[in-house]
């Protein structure tokens, strides 16, 4: 599935974009769907959860210094979004 202005990224398209951003050193939030948000939240216990956001349960990778990097999901201003972040980045940005 390809994203358009009205169609958020989901599944392998979303995870490929998250990885590409992370490898390029970009912290860019990508719009995703409520279904994708809920699927990630319900698949595995979150590594961190706060009202309006969570880190998916298992790391998607690690930084050069060994910090785990997670798929972060948020619901901000009515939009579901995802970004790959360390827990420290998530705490600083989301809470």
Protein backbone atom coordinates (compact mmCIF):
# COMPACT_ATOMS: atom_id res chain seq x y z
CA UNK A 1 0.00 0.00 0.00
CA UNK A 2 1.30 3.48 -0.84
CA UNK A 3 0.53 6.57 1.18
CA UNK A 4 -1.33 9.51 -0.25
CA UNK A 5 -2.48 12.74 1.32
CA UNK A 6 -5.49 10.89 2.71
CA UNK A 7 -4.01 7.43 3.22
CA UNK A 8 -1.56 6.92 6.12
CA UNK A 9 1.24 4.34 5.98
CA UNK A 10 0.68 0.89 7.47
CA UNK A 11 2.44 -2.47 7.71
CA UNK A 12 5.65 -3.07 5.79
CA UNK A 13 5.46 0.34 4.07
CA UNK A 14 5.40 2.07 7.45
CA UNK A 15 8.21 -0.03 8.93
CA UNK A 16 10.41 0.45 5.83
CA UNK A 17 9.96 4.23 6.06
CA UNK A 18 10.67 4.21 9.82
CA UNK A 19 13.89 2.25 9.26
CA UNK A 20 15.00 4.48 6.37
CA UNK A 21 14.48 7.59 8.52
CA UNK A 22 16.33 6.07 11.46
CA UNK A 23 19.29 4.98 9.31
CA UNK A 24 19.43 8.48 7.80
CA UNK A 25 19.40 10.05 11.27
CA UNK A 26 15.99 11.68 10.79
CA UNK A 27 13.45 12.02 13.59
CA UNK A 28 10.39 12.38 11.38
CA UNK A 29 6.88 11.48 12.53
CA UNK A 30 4.98 9.53 9.90
CA UNK A 31 1.21 9.47 9.78
CA UNK A 32 -0.25 6.01 10.34
CA UNK A 33 -3.74 4.64 10.89
CA UNK A 34 -5.72 4.00 14.05
CA UNK A 35 -5.76 0.31 13.06
CA UNK A 36 -1.94 0.19 12.88
CA UNK A 37 -1.65 2.06 16.20
CA UNK A 38 -4.03 -0.35 17.93
CA UNK A 39 -2.46 -3.43 16.34
CA UNK A 40 0.96 -2.43 17.67
CA UNK A 41 -0.45 -1.61 21.10
CA UNK A 42 -2.33 -4.91 21.35
CA UNK A 43 0.33 -7.22 19.87
CA UNK A 44 2.83 -6.99 22.70
CA UNK A 45 3.08 -5.25 26.07
CA UNK A 46 4.54 -1.76 25.41
CA UNK A 47 8.09 -1.04 26.51
CA UNK A 48 6.78 2.33 27.71
CA UNK A 49 3.27 3.74 27.72
CA UNK A 50 2.00 7.23 28.49
CA UNK A 51 -1.40 8.73 27.72
CA UNK A 52 -1.33 9.42 24.00
CA UNK A 53 1.67 7.28 23.08
CA UNK A 54 3.80 4.19 23.57
CA UNK A 55 6.97 2.39 22.54
CA UNK A 56 6.29 -0.97 20.86
CA UNK A 57 7.38 -3.88 23.06
CA UNK A 58 10.60 -5.01 21.38
CA UNK A 59 13.41 -2.87 19.99
CA UNK A 60 13.51 -2.40 16.22
CA UNK A 61 17.29 -1.96 16.43
CA UNK A 62 20.04 -0.33 18.47
CA UNK A 63 22.10 2.83 18.33
CA UNK A 64 25.86 2.70 17.84
CA UNK A 65 26.28 2.87 21.63
CA UNK A 66 23.84 0.01 22.24
CA UNK A 67 20.68 1.93 23.19
CA UNK A 68 17.51 0.16 22.02
CA UNK A 69 15.50 1.93 19.34
CA UNK A 70 11.74 1.33 19.37
CA UNK A 71 8.83 2.01 17.06
CA UNK A 72 7.10 4.88 18.88
CA UNK A 73 3.42 5.53 18.27
CA UNK A 74 1.45 8.62 19.29
CA UNK A 75 -1.95 10.18 18.93
CA UNK A 76 -1.35 13.91 18.81
CA UNK A 77 -3.77 16.55 17.60
CA UNK A 78 -6.09 13.83 16.30
CA UNK A 79 -3.43 12.17 14.11
CA UNK A 80 -1.85 8.76 14.65
CA UNK A 81 1.90 8.92 14.05
CA UNK A 82 4.98 6.70 14.28
CA UNK A 83 8.71 7.35 14.60
CA UNK A 84 11.74 5.28 15.62
CA UNK A 85 13.12 6.59 18.94
CA UNK A 86 15.21 5.56 21.91
CA UNK A 87 13.41 5.60 25.27
CA UNK A 88 15.24 8.82 26.22
CA UNK A 89 14.07 10.52 23.01
CA UNK A 90 10.51 9.29 23.60
CA UNK A 91 10.52 10.66 27.17
CA UNK A 92 11.82 14.02 25.96
CA UNK A 93 9.37 14.33 23.04
CA UNK A 94 6.24 12.51 24.22
CA UNK A 95 6.52 12.18 27.98
